[in-house]
């Protein structure tokens, strides 16, 4: 079976997935805290960079683990792809719902208990960079309910052709694009832009971010169904 995803589709999905209010919110909160803890801006930037690297590595490893699993599902039954496609469509509808009624009813977000743990771990940050990296790993895992739907769709489309060397390079590119806005935020805060301004921007545009993600998920879910049946 030919591949279900190409480079332009992958890049487009990664760009939309990268403007995720959950990922932005956690990083802005972290950098605001680091700004208070460290007097020198470069300390804040360094820890933010290591944190974001932890996010990148975790998502990349998760993709490398899930890709062969999803591929084996497809060899077992087409029904598994249909189920995933339906889940992707439902996730898209939930995201679009948040454009009109943000925060009302069920939403794809970090679980409240995980959000509390993130804040608790942030307060335990020390001067050791390994702590910032570990926090990035933890955040990447617990924010999957909020950020993982697009990634799941991309991995499922990749799995239609099995695990290839090209897919590994695709995953590296996808995850680099996903974390790129986080690195931009770190750089701008290092240059003096306040966390308050970033948070105000996030609050103003979070509904639109949800809408774009929702439309992308609807499109990818329909593409998955079309690809399997036609």
C-alpha atoms as a PDB file:
ATOM      1  CA  UNK A   1       0.000   0.000   0.000  1.00  0.00           C
ATOM      2  CA  UNK A   2       1.467   3.444  -0.895  1.00  0.00           C
ATOM      3  CA  UNK A   3       2.231   6.019   1.730  1.00  0.00           C
ATOM      4  CA  UNK A   4      -0.715   7.957   3.155  1.00  0.00           C
ATOM      5  CA  UNK A   5       1.183  11.186   3.835  1.00  0.00           C
ATOM      6  CA  UNK A   6       3.561  13.404   1.883  1.00  0.00           C
ATOM      7  CA  UNK A   7       5.992  16.147   2.858  1.00  0.00           C
ATOM      8  CA  UNK A   8       3.698  19.165   2.277  1.00  0.00           C
ATOM      9  CA  UNK A   9       0.918  17.489   4.291  1.00  0.00           C
ATOM     10  CA  UNK A  10       3.356  16.661   7.089  1.00  0.00           C
ATOM     11  CA  UNK A  11       4.764  20.205   7.245  1.00  0.00           C
ATOM     12  CA  UNK A  12       1.288  21.756   7.194  1.00  0.00           C
ATOM     13  CA  UNK A  13       0.098  19.496  10.011  1.00  0.00           C
ATOM     14  CA  UNK A  14       3.207  20.233  12.062  1.00  0.00           C
ATOM     15  CA  UNK A  15       2.805  24.015  11.652  1.00  0.00           C
ATOM     16  CA  UNK A  16      -0.817  23.961  12.823  1.00  0.00           C
ATOM     17  CA  UNK A  17      -0.019  21.535  15.642  1.00  0.00           C
ATOM     18  CA  UNK A  18       2.836  23.790  16.777  1.00  0.00           C
ATOM     19  CA  UNK A  19       0.483  26.690  17.574  1.00  0.00           C
ATOM     20  CA  UNK A  20      -1.115  24.838  20.442  1.00  0.00           C
ATOM     21  CA  UNK A  21      -2.407  26.863  23.411  1.00  0.00           C
ATOM     22  CA  UNK A  22      -1.543  24.048  25.851  1.00  0.00           C
ATOM     23  CA  UNK A  23       2.120  23.920  24.844  1.00  0.00           C
ATOM     24  CA  UNK A  24       2.335  27.725  24.810  1.00  0.00           C
ATOM     25  CA  UNK A  25       0.653  28.063  28.197  1.00  0.00           C
ATOM     26  CA  UNK A  26       3.000  25.683  30.021  1.00  0.00           C
ATOM     27  CA  UNK A  27       6.136  27.241  28.523  1.00  0.00           C
ATOM     28  CA  UNK A  28       5.026  30.823  29.251  1.00  0.00           C
ATOM     29  CA  UNK A  29       4.260  29.889  32.857  1.00  0.00           C
ATOM     30  CA  UNK A  30       7.641  28.155  33.161  1.00  0.00           C
ATOM     31  CA  UNK A  31       9.607  31.073  31.706  1.00  0.00           C
ATOM     32  CA  UNK A  32       7.765  33.558  33.918  1.00  0.00           C
ATOM     33  CA  UNK A  33       8.798  31.489  36.926  1.00  0.00           C
ATOM     34  CA  UNK A  34      12.390  31.138  35.703  1.00  0.00           C
ATOM     35  CA  UNK A  35      12.609  34.895  35.175  1.00  0.00           C
ATOM     36  CA  UNK A  36      11.883  35.364  38.885  1.00  0.00           C
ATOM     37  CA  UNK A  37      14.288  32.616  39.961  1.00  0.00           C
ATOM     38  CA  UNK A  38      17.272  33.546  37.781  1.00  0.00           C
ATOM     39  CA  UNK A  39      18.526  37.123  37.692  1.00  0.00           C
ATOM     40  CA  UNK A  40      20.415  36.699  34.419  1.00  0.00           C
ATOM     41  CA  UNK A  41      18.237  36.306  31.283  1.00  0.00           C
ATOM     42  CA  UNK A  42      20.598  33.776  29.744  1.00  0.00           C
ATOM     43  CA  UNK A  43      19.991  31.419  32.685  1.00  0.00           C
ATOM     44  CA  UNK A  44      16.273  31.549  31.966  1.00  0.00           C
ATOM     45  CA  UNK A  45      16.870  31.025  28.241  1.00  0.00           C
ATOM     46  CA  UNK A  46      19.223  28.092  28.815  1.00  0.00           C
ATOM     47  CA  UNK A  47      16.801  26.274  31.097  1.00  0.00           C
ATOM     48  CA  UNK A  48      13.938  26.993  28.704  1.00  0.00           C
ATOM     49  CA  UNK A  49      16.010  25.615  25.814  1.00  0.00           C
ATOM     50  CA  UNK A  50      16.817  22.417  27.720  1.00  0.00           C
ATOM     51  CA  UNK A  51      13.168  22.048  28.761  1.00  0.00           C
ATOM     52  CA  UNK A  52      12.014  22.365  25.146  1.00  0.00           C
ATOM     53  CA  UNK A  53      14.668  19.874  24.052  1.00  0.00           C
ATOM     54  CA  UNK A  54      13.162  17.446  26.567  1.00  0.00           C
ATOM     55  CA  UNK A  55       9.759  17.954  24.928  1.00  0.00           C
ATOM     56  CA  UNK A  56      11.269  17.346  21.469  1.00  0.00           C
ATOM     57  CA  UNK A  57      13.078  14.151  22.477  1.00  0.00           C
ATOM     58  CA  UNK A  58      10.015  12.739  24.239  1.00  0.00           C
ATOM     59  CA  UNK A  59       7.682  13.333  21.305  1.00  0.00           C
ATOM     60  CA  UNK A  60      10.222  11.894  18.882  1.00  0.00           C
ATOM     61  CA  UNK A  61      10.701   8.729  20.944  1.00  0.00           C
ATOM     62  CA  UNK A  62       6.924   8.401  21.371  1.00  0.00           C
ATOM     63  CA  UNK A  63       6.534   8.572  17.586  1.00  0.00           C
ATOM     64  CA  UNK A  64       9.245   5.988  16.988  1.00  0.00           C
ATOM     65  CA  UNK A  65       7.542   3.646  19.470  1.00  0.00           C
ATOM     66  CA  UNK A  66       3.979   4.173  18.232  1.00  0.00           C
ATOM     67  CA  UNK A  67       4.703   3.973  14.495  1.00  0.00           C
ATOM     68  CA  UNK A  68       5.483   0.218  14.379  1.00  0.00           C
ATOM     69  CA  UNK A  69       2.598  -0.469  16.778  1.00  0.00           C
ATOM     70  CA  UNK A  70       0.123   1.335  14.522  1.00  0.00           C
ATOM     71  CA  UNK A  71       1.607  -0.420  11.508  1.00  0.00           C
ATOM     72  CA  UNK A  72       1.002  -3.806  13.143  1.00  0.00           C
ATOM     73  CA  UNK A  73      -2.595  -2.790  13.865  1.00  0.00           C
ATOM     74  CA  UNK A  74      -3.123  -2.137  10.171  1.00  0.00           C
ATOM     75  CA  UNK A  75      -1.751  -5.535   9.216  1.00  0.00           C
ATOM     76  CA  UNK A  76      -4.179  -7.103  11.648  1.00  0.00           C
ATOM     77  CA  UNK A  77      -7.361  -5.279  10.583  1.00  0.00           C
ATOM     78  CA  UNK A  78      -8.556  -2.268   8.583  1.00  0.00           C
ATOM     79  CA  UNK A  79     -11.091  -1.721  11.361  1.00  0.00           C
ATOM     80  CA  UNK A  80      -8.323  -0.354  13.587  1.00  0.00           C
ATOM     81  CA  UNK A  81      -7.645   2.457  11.090  1.00  0.00           C
ATOM     82  CA  UNK A  82     -11.342   3.242  10.876  1.00  0.00           C
ATOM     83  CA  UNK A  83     -11.587   3.449  14.666  1.00  0.00           C
ATOM     84  CA  UNK A  84      -8.593   5.807  14.824  1.00  0.00           C
ATOM     85  CA  UNK A  85     -10.037   7.934  12.008  1.00  0.00           C
ATOM     86  CA  UNK A  86     -13.331   8.262  13.879  1.00  0.00           C
ATOM     87  CA  UNK A  87     -11.457   9.255  17.057  1.00  0.00           C
ATOM     88  CA  UNK A  88      -9.563  11.890  15.059  1.00  0.00           C
ATOM     89  CA  UNK A  89     -12.846  13.246  13.671  1.00  0.00           C
ATOM     90  CA  UNK A  90     -14.356  13.408  17.158  1.00  0.00           C
ATOM     91  CA  UNK A  91     -11.272  15.220  18.452  1.00  0.00           C
ATOM     92  CA  UNK A  92     -11.649  17.702  15.602  1.00  0.00           C
ATOM     93  CA  UNK A  93     -15.263  18.369  16.515  1.00  0.00           C
ATOM     94  CA  UNK A  94     -14.282  18.963  20.151  1.00  0.00           C
ATOM     95  CA  UNK A  95     -11.617  21.464  19.074  1.00  0.00           C
ATOM     96  CA  UNK A  96     -14.082  23.304  16.828  1.00  0.00           C
ATOM     97  CA  UNK A  97     -16.575  23.350  19.691  1.00  0.00           C
ATOM     98  CA  UNK A  98     -13.992  25.254  21.740  1.00  0.00           C
ATOM     99  CA  UNK A  99     -13.879  27.965  19.097  1.00  0.00           C
ATOM    100  CA  UNK A 100     -17.516  28.765  19.804  1.00  0.00           C
ATOM    101  CA  UNK A 101     -17.831  27.693  23.467  1.00  0.00           C
ATOM    102  CA  UNK A 102     -14.295  27.678  24.863  1.00  0.00           C
ATOM    103  CA  UNK A 103     -13.966  25.761  28.123  1.00  0.00           C
ATOM    104  CA  UNK A 104     -17.582  24.604  28.186  1.00  0.00           C
ATOM    105  CA  UNK A 105     -18.185  20.881  28.282  1.00  0.00           C
ATOM    106  CA  UNK A 106     -15.483  18.372  27.391  1.00  0.00           C
ATOM    107  CA  UNK A 107     -12.219  19.762  26.006  1.00  0.00           C
ATOM    108  CA  UNK A 108      -8.893  18.311  24.942  1.00  0.00           C
ATOM    109  CA  UNK A 109      -6.704  19.694  27.710  1.00  0.00           C
ATOM    110  CA  UNK A 110      -4.163  18.746  30.330  1.00  0.00           C
ATOM    111  CA  UNK A 111      -5.835  16.946  33.215  1.00  0.00           C
ATOM    112  CA  UNK A 112      -6.225  19.242  36.273  1.00  0.00           C
ATOM    113  CA  UNK A 113      -4.247  16.842  38.463  1.00  0.00           C
ATOM    114  CA  UNK A 114      -1.374  16.873  35.950  1.00  0.00           C
ATOM    115  CA  UNK A 115      -1.470  20.683  35.762  1.00  0.00           C
ATOM    116  CA  UNK A 116      -1.060  20.849  39.541  1.00  0.00           C
ATOM    117  CA  UNK A 117       1.898  18.469  39.385  1.00  0.00           C
ATOM    118  CA  UNK A 118       3.534  20.574  36.666  1.00  0.00           C
ATOM    119  CA  UNK A 119       3.326  23.677  38.865  1.00  0.00           C
ATOM    120  CA  UNK A 120       4.657  21.703  41.821  1.00  0.00           C
ATOM    121  CA  UNK A 121       7.636  20.384  39.819  1.00  0.00           C
ATOM    122  CA  UNK A 122       8.383  23.868  38.477  1.00  0.00           C
ATOM    123  CA  UNK A 123       8.779  25.144  42.022  1.00  0.00           C
ATOM    124  CA  UNK A 124      11.348  22.412  42.611  1.00  0.00           C
ATOM    125  CA  UNK A 125      13.502  23.473  39.660  1.00  0.00           C
ATOM    126  CA  UNK A 126      17.133  23.858  40.626  1.00  0.00           C
ATOM    127  CA  UNK A 127      20.178  25.157  38.801  1.00  0.00           C
ATOM    128  CA  UNK A 128      20.737  21.675  37.343  1.00  0.00           C
ATOM    129  CA  UNK A 129      19.822  21.478  33.673  1.00  0.00           C
ATOM    130  CA  UNK A 130      18.846  17.839  34.085  1.00  0.00           C
ATOM    131  CA  UNK A 131      15.854  18.994  36.142  1.00  0.00           C
ATOM    132  CA  UNK A 132      14.648  21.234  33.300  1.00  0.00           C
ATOM    133  CA  UNK A 133      15.054  18.356  30.830  1.00  0.00           C
ATOM    134  CA  UNK A 134      13.119  15.976  33.095  1.00  0.00           C
ATOM    135  CA  UNK A 135      10.330  18.539  33.407  1.00  0.00           C
ATOM    136  CA  UNK A 136      10.158  18.745  29.608  1.00  0.00           C
ATOM    137  CA  UNK A 137       9.785  14.960  29.425  1.00  0.00           C
ATOM    138  CA  UNK A 138       7.029  14.981  32.046  1.00  0.00           C
ATOM    139  CA  UNK A 139       5.111  17.852  30.438  1.00  0.00           C
ATOM    140  CA  UNK A 140       5.321  16.240  26.993  1.00  0.00           C
ATOM    141  CA  UNK A 141       3.702  13.100  28.382  1.00  0.00           C
ATOM    142  CA  UNK A 142       0.907  14.736  30.384  1.00  0.00           C
ATOM    143  CA  UNK A 143      -0.053  17.235  27.660  1.00  0.00           C
ATOM    144  CA  UNK A 144      -0.647  14.464  25.097  1.00  0.00           C
ATOM    145  CA  UNK A 145      -4.451  14.628  25.643  1.00  0.00           C
ATOM    146  CA  UNK A 146      -4.243  18.242  24.492  1.00  0.00           C
ATOM    147  CA  UNK A 147      -1.595  18.018  21.765  1.00  0.00           C
ATOM    148  CA  UNK A 148      -1.554  14.380  20.668  1.00  0.00           C
ATOM    149  CA  UNK A 149      -4.514  14.107  18.275  1.00  0.00           C
ATOM    150  CA  UNK A 150      -2.739  15.606  15.252  1.00  0.00           C
ATOM    151  CA  UNK A 151       0.384  13.563  15.991  1.00  0.00           C
ATOM    152  CA  UNK A 152      -1.713  10.380  16.173  1.00  0.00           C
ATOM    153  CA  UNK A 153      -3.278  11.150  12.790  1.00  0.00           C
ATOM    154  CA  UNK A 154       0.140  11.777  11.220  1.00  0.00           C
ATOM    155  CA  UNK A 155       1.559   8.552  12.669  1.00  0.00           C
ATOM    156  CA  UNK A 156      -1.442   6.558  11.487  1.00  0.00           C
ATOM    157  CA  UNK A 157      -1.086   7.866   7.934  1.00  0.00           C
ATOM    158  CA  UNK A 158       2.635   7.056   8.026  1.00  0.00           C
ATOM    159  CA  UNK A 159       1.907   3.536   9.246  1.00  0.00           C
ATOM    160  CA  UNK A 160      -0.053   2.756   6.057  1.00  0.00           C
ATOM    161  CA  UNK A 161       3.290   2.133   4.358  1.00  0.00           C
ATOM    162  CA  UNK A 162       4.990   0.630   7.409  1.00  0.00           C
ATOM    163  CA  UNK A 163       8.172   1.849   9.099  1.00  0.00           C
ATOM    164  CA  UNK A 164      10.690   3.365   6.673  1.00  0.00           C
ATOM    165  CA  UNK A 165      13.833   5.479   6.883  1.00  0.00           C
ATOM    166  CA  UNK A 166      11.878   8.342   5.309  1.00  0.00           C
ATOM    167  CA  UNK A 167       9.328   8.175   8.121  1.00  0.00           C
ATOM    168  CA  UNK A 168      12.061   8.535  10.731  1.00  0.00           C
ATOM    169  CA  UNK A 169      13.293  11.693   8.995  1.00  0.00           C
ATOM    170  CA  UNK A 170       9.661  12.873   8.737  1.00  0.00           C
ATOM    171  CA  UNK A 171       9.247  12.431  12.501  1.00  0.00           C
ATOM    172  CA  UNK A 172      12.401  14.439  13.211  1.00  0.00           C
ATOM    173  CA  UNK A 173      11.186  17.243  10.934  1.00  0.00           C
ATOM    174  CA  UNK A 174       7.650  17.171  12.358  1.00  0.00           C
ATOM    175  CA  UNK A 175       8.819  17.444  15.939  1.00  0.00           C
ATOM    176  CA  UNK A 176      11.344  20.154  15.125  1.00  0.00           C
ATOM    177  CA  UNK A 177       8.557  22.249  13.599  1.00  0.00           C
ATOM    178  CA  UNK A 178       6.326  21.430  16.586  1.00  0.00           C
ATOM    179  CA  UNK A 179       8.808  22.881  19.120  1.00  0.00           C
ATOM    180  CA  UNK A 180      10.080  25.735  16.918  1.00  0.00           C
ATOM    181  CA  UNK A 181       7.525  28.301  18.232  1.00  0.00           C
ATOM    182  CA  UNK A 182       8.603  27.393  21.771  1.00  0.00           C
ATOM    183  CA  UNK A 183      12.193  28.274  20.915  1.00  0.00           C
ATOM    184  CA  UNK A 184      10.964  31.560  19.377  1.00  0.00           C
ATOM    185  CA  UNK A 185       9.115  32.409  22.600  1.00  0.00           C
ATOM    186  CA  UNK A 186      12.250  31.689  24.637  1.00  0.00           C
ATOM    187  CA  UNK A 187      14.336  33.937  22.368  1.00  0.00           C
ATOM    188  CA  UNK A 188      11.851  36.807  22.516  1.00  0.00           C
ATOM    189  CA  UNK A 189      11.583  36.602  26.300  1.00  0.00           C
ATOM    190  CA  UNK A 190      15.381  36.594  26.458  1.00  0.00           C
ATOM    191  CA  UNK A 191      15.249  39.804  24.411  1.00  0.00           C
ATOM    192  CA  UNK A 192      12.875  41.373  26.903  1.00  0.00           C
ATOM    193  CA  UNK A 193       9.318  40.559  25.851  1.00  0.00           C
ATOM    194  CA  UNK A 194       7.359  39.900  29.046  1.00  0.00           C
ATOM    195  CA  UNK A 195       5.524  36.693  29.889  1.00  0.00           C
ATOM    196  CA  UNK A 196       2.425  38.807  30.505  1.00  0.00           C
ATOM    197  CA  UNK A 197       2.349  39.979  26.884  1.00  0.00           C
ATOM    198  CA  UNK A 198       2.731  36.417  25.619  1.00  0.00           C
ATOM    199  CA  UNK A 199      -0.062  35.204  27.886  1.00  0.00           C
ATOM    200  CA  UNK A 200      -2.348  38.023  26.762  1.00  0.00           C
ATOM    201  CA  UNK A 201      -1.624  37.075  23.141  1.00  0.00           C
ATOM    202  CA  UNK A 202      -2.334  33.409  23.896  1.00  0.00           C
ATOM    203  CA  UNK A 203      -5.637  34.222  25.573  1.00  0.00           C
ATOM    204  CA  UNK A 204      -6.736  36.382  22.621  1.00  0.00           C
ATOM    205  CA  UNK A 205      -5.939  33.745  20.020  1.00  0.00           C
ATOM    206  CA  UNK A 206      -6.463  30.406  21.789  1.00  0.00           C
ATOM    207  CA  UNK A 207      -9.953  29.935  20.314  1.00  0.00           C
ATOM    208  CA  UNK A 208      -8.613  30.471  16.777  1.00  0.00           C
ATOM    209  CA  UNK A 209      -5.792  28.001  17.492  1.00  0.00           C
ATOM    210  CA  UNK A 210      -8.417  25.457  18.504  1.00  0.00           C
ATOM    211  CA  UNK A 211     -10.412  26.123  15.337  1.00  0.00           C
ATOM    212  CA  UNK A 212      -7.388  25.608  13.070  1.00  0.00           C
ATOM    213  CA  UNK A 213      -6.491  22.390  14.886  1.00  0.00           C
ATOM    214  CA  UNK A 214     -10.083  21.181  14.672  1.00  0.00           C
ATOM    215  CA  UNK A 215     -10.330  21.826  10.931  1.00  0.00           C
ATOM    216  CA  UNK A 216      -7.004  20.047  10.421  1.00  0.00           C
ATOM    217  CA  UNK A 217      -8.199  17.023  12.399  1.00  0.00           C
ATOM    218  CA  UNK A 218     -11.486  16.862  10.475  1.00  0.00           C
ATOM    219  CA  UNK A 219      -9.564  16.994   7.207  1.00  0.00           C
ATOM    220  CA  UNK A 220      -7.083  14.324   8.274  1.00  0.00           C
ATOM    221  CA  UNK A 221      -9.826  12.064   9.636  1.00  0.00           C
ATOM    222  CA  UNK A 222     -11.739  12.266   6.350  1.00  0.00           C
ATOM    223  CA  UNK A 223      -8.535  11.696   4.380  1.00  0.00           C
ATOM    224  CA  UNK A 224      -7.828   8.570   6.460  1.00  0.00           C
ATOM    225  CA  UNK A 225     -11.296   7.178   5.744  1.00  0.00           C
ATOM    226  CA  UNK A 226     -11.048   8.010   2.033  1.00  0.00           C
ATOM    227  CA  UNK A 227      -7.574   6.483   1.814  1.00  0.00           C
ATOM    228  CA  UNK A 228      -8.671   3.215   3.437  1.00  0.00           C
ATOM    229  CA  UNK A 229     -11.909   2.726   1.495  1.00  0.00           C
ATOM    230  CA  UNK A 230     -11.039   4.263  -1.858  1.00  0.00           C
END
